[in-house]
C-alpha atoms as a PDB file:
ATOM      1  CA  MET A   1      -9.445 194.925 138.824  1.00  0.00           C
ATOM      2  CA  GLU A   2      -8.333 192.122 137.578  1.00  0.00           C
ATOM      3  CA  ILE A   3      -7.334 192.127 133.853  1.00  0.00           C
ATOM      4  CA  PHE A   4      -7.950 188.432 133.350  1.00  0.00           C
ATOM      5  CA  ASN A   5     -10.734 187.143 135.507  1.00  0.00           C
ATOM      6  CA  GLN A   6     -10.875 183.205 136.394  1.00  0.00           C
ATOM      7  CA  GLU A   7     -14.072 183.078 133.955  1.00  0.00           C
ATOM      8  CA  PHE A   8     -11.936 184.777 131.033  1.00  0.00           C
ATOM      9  CA  ILE A   9      -9.043 182.050 131.651  1.00  0.00           C
ATOM     10  CA  GLN A  10     -11.343 178.954 131.403  1.00  0.00           C
ATOM     11  CA  GLU A  11     -12.961 180.474 128.308  1.00  0.00           C
ATOM     12  CA  ILE A  12      -9.515 180.286 126.707  1.00  0.00           C
ATOM     13  CA  ILE A  13      -8.734 176.978 127.923  1.00  0.00           C
ATOM     14  CA  ARG A  14     -11.902 175.632 126.831  1.00  0.00           C
ATOM     15  CA  LEU A  15     -11.437 177.335 123.253  1.00  0.00           C
ATOM     16  CA  THR A  16      -7.764 176.010 122.923  1.00  0.00           C
ATOM     17  CA  TRP A  17      -6.795 173.137 124.837  1.00  0.00           C
ATOM     18  CA  ARG A  18     -10.099 171.303 124.576  1.00  0.00           C
ATOM     19  CA  ASN A  19     -10.193 172.037 120.684  1.00  0.00           C
ATOM     20  CA  PRO A  20      -9.357 169.082 118.496  1.00  0.00           C
ATOM     21  CA  ALA A  21      -8.215 170.936 115.667  1.00  0.00           C
ATOM     22  CA  PHE A  22      -5.768 173.190 117.996  1.00  0.00           C
ATOM     23  CA  MET A  23      -4.098 170.040 119.840  1.00  0.00           C
ATOM     24  CA  ALA A  24      -3.693 168.175 116.611  1.00  0.00           C
ATOM     25  CA  ILE A  25      -1.594 171.502 115.305  1.00  0.00           C
ATOM     26  CA  ALA A  26       0.008 171.812 118.733  1.00  0.00           C
ATOM     27  CA  ILE A  27       1.155 167.722 118.767  1.00  0.00           C
ATOM     28  CA  ALA A  28       2.371 168.168 115.200  1.00  0.00           C
ATOM     29  CA  LEU A  29       4.512 171.221 115.877  1.00  0.00           C
ATOM     30  CA  ILE A  30       5.959 169.863 119.188  1.00  0.00           C
ATOM     31  CA  TRP A  31       6.749 166.300 117.122  1.00  0.00           C
ATOM     32  CA  LEU A  32       8.262 168.167 113.541  1.00  0.00           C
ATOM     33  CA  ILE A  33      10.163 171.115 115.048  1.00  0.00           C
ATOM     34  CA  PRO A  34      12.889 168.765 116.834  1.00  0.00           C
ATOM     35  CA  GLN A  35      12.697 166.144 114.134  1.00  0.00           C
ATOM     36  CA  LEU A  36      13.807 169.069 111.579  1.00  0.00           C
ATOM     37  CA  LEU A  37      16.163 170.488 113.871  1.00  0.00           C
ATOM     38  CA  ILE A  38      18.070 167.173 114.393  1.00  0.00           C
ATOM     39  CA  ARG A  39      17.883 166.263 110.417  1.00  0.00           C
ATOM     40  CA  LYS A  40      19.343 169.338 109.659  1.00  0.00           C
ATOM     41  CA  ILE A  41      22.390 168.879 112.147  1.00  0.00           C
ATOM     42  CA  MET A  42      22.703 165.202 110.880  1.00  0.00           C
ATOM     43  CA  THR A  43      22.842 166.467 107.045  1.00  0.00           C
ATOM     44  CA  LYS A  44      25.631 168.816 107.851  1.00  0.00           C
ATOM     45  CA  LYS A  45      27.524 166.333 109.867  1.00  0.00           C
ATOM     46  CA  TYR A  46      27.046 163.276 106.832  1.00  0.00           C
ATOM     47  CA  GLU A  47      28.301 165.971 104.598  1.00  0.00           C
ATOM     48  CA  GLN A  48      31.314 166.890 106.404  1.00  0.00           C
ATOM     49  CA  ARG A  49      32.047 163.159 106.909  1.00  0.00           C
ATOM     50  CA  LYS A  50      31.435 162.627 102.904  1.00  0.00           C
ATOM     51  CA  ILE A  51      34.026 165.347 102.399  1.00  0.00           C
ATOM     52  CA  GLU A  52      36.434 163.975 104.722  1.00  0.00           C
ATOM     53  CA  ILE A  53      36.323 160.339 103.549  1.00  0.00           C
ATOM     54  CA  GLN A  54      36.749 161.979  99.593  1.00  0.00           C
ATOM     55  CA  LYS A  55      40.070 163.916 100.764  1.00  0.00           C
ATOM     56  CA  ASN A  56      41.331 160.799 102.403  1.00  0.00           C
ATOM     57  CA  LYS A  57      40.713 159.100  99.320  1.00  0.00           C
ATOM     58  CA  ILE A  58      42.473 161.295  97.368  1.00  0.00           C
ATOM     59  CA  LYS A  59      45.341 161.348  99.584  1.00  0.00           C
ATOM     60  CA  ARG A  60      45.672 157.927  99.013  1.00  0.00           C
ATOM     61  CA  LEU A  61      45.899 158.101  95.377  1.00  0.00           C
ATOM     62  CA  TYR A  62      48.154 161.316  95.444  1.00  0.00           C
ATOM     63  CA  PRO A  63      50.541 160.951  98.061  1.00  0.00           C
ATOM     64  CA  THR A  64      52.648 164.272  98.827  1.00  0.00           C
ATOM     65  CA  ASN A  65      55.836 162.490  99.572  1.00  0.00           C
ATOM     66  CA  SER A  66      58.592 165.190  98.693  1.00  0.00           C
ATOM     67  CA  PRO A  67      61.742 163.810  97.213  1.00  0.00           C
ATOM     68  CA  LYS A  68      64.946 163.448  98.857  1.00  0.00           C
END
């Protein structure tokens, strides 16, 4: 006895993949999840770069040359 017979599998496919609402949500998730991950990574890199530039500007204003 098969747990999932061919008719049951076809019915699941018909109810999900051919459903416009389900497909719209699936496509939106496939589109948005990578975009959110990339945005998070880019924001983190931007903040690190911003702090690095600020440190370099402070170093130029206040050099740490020790007197001889």
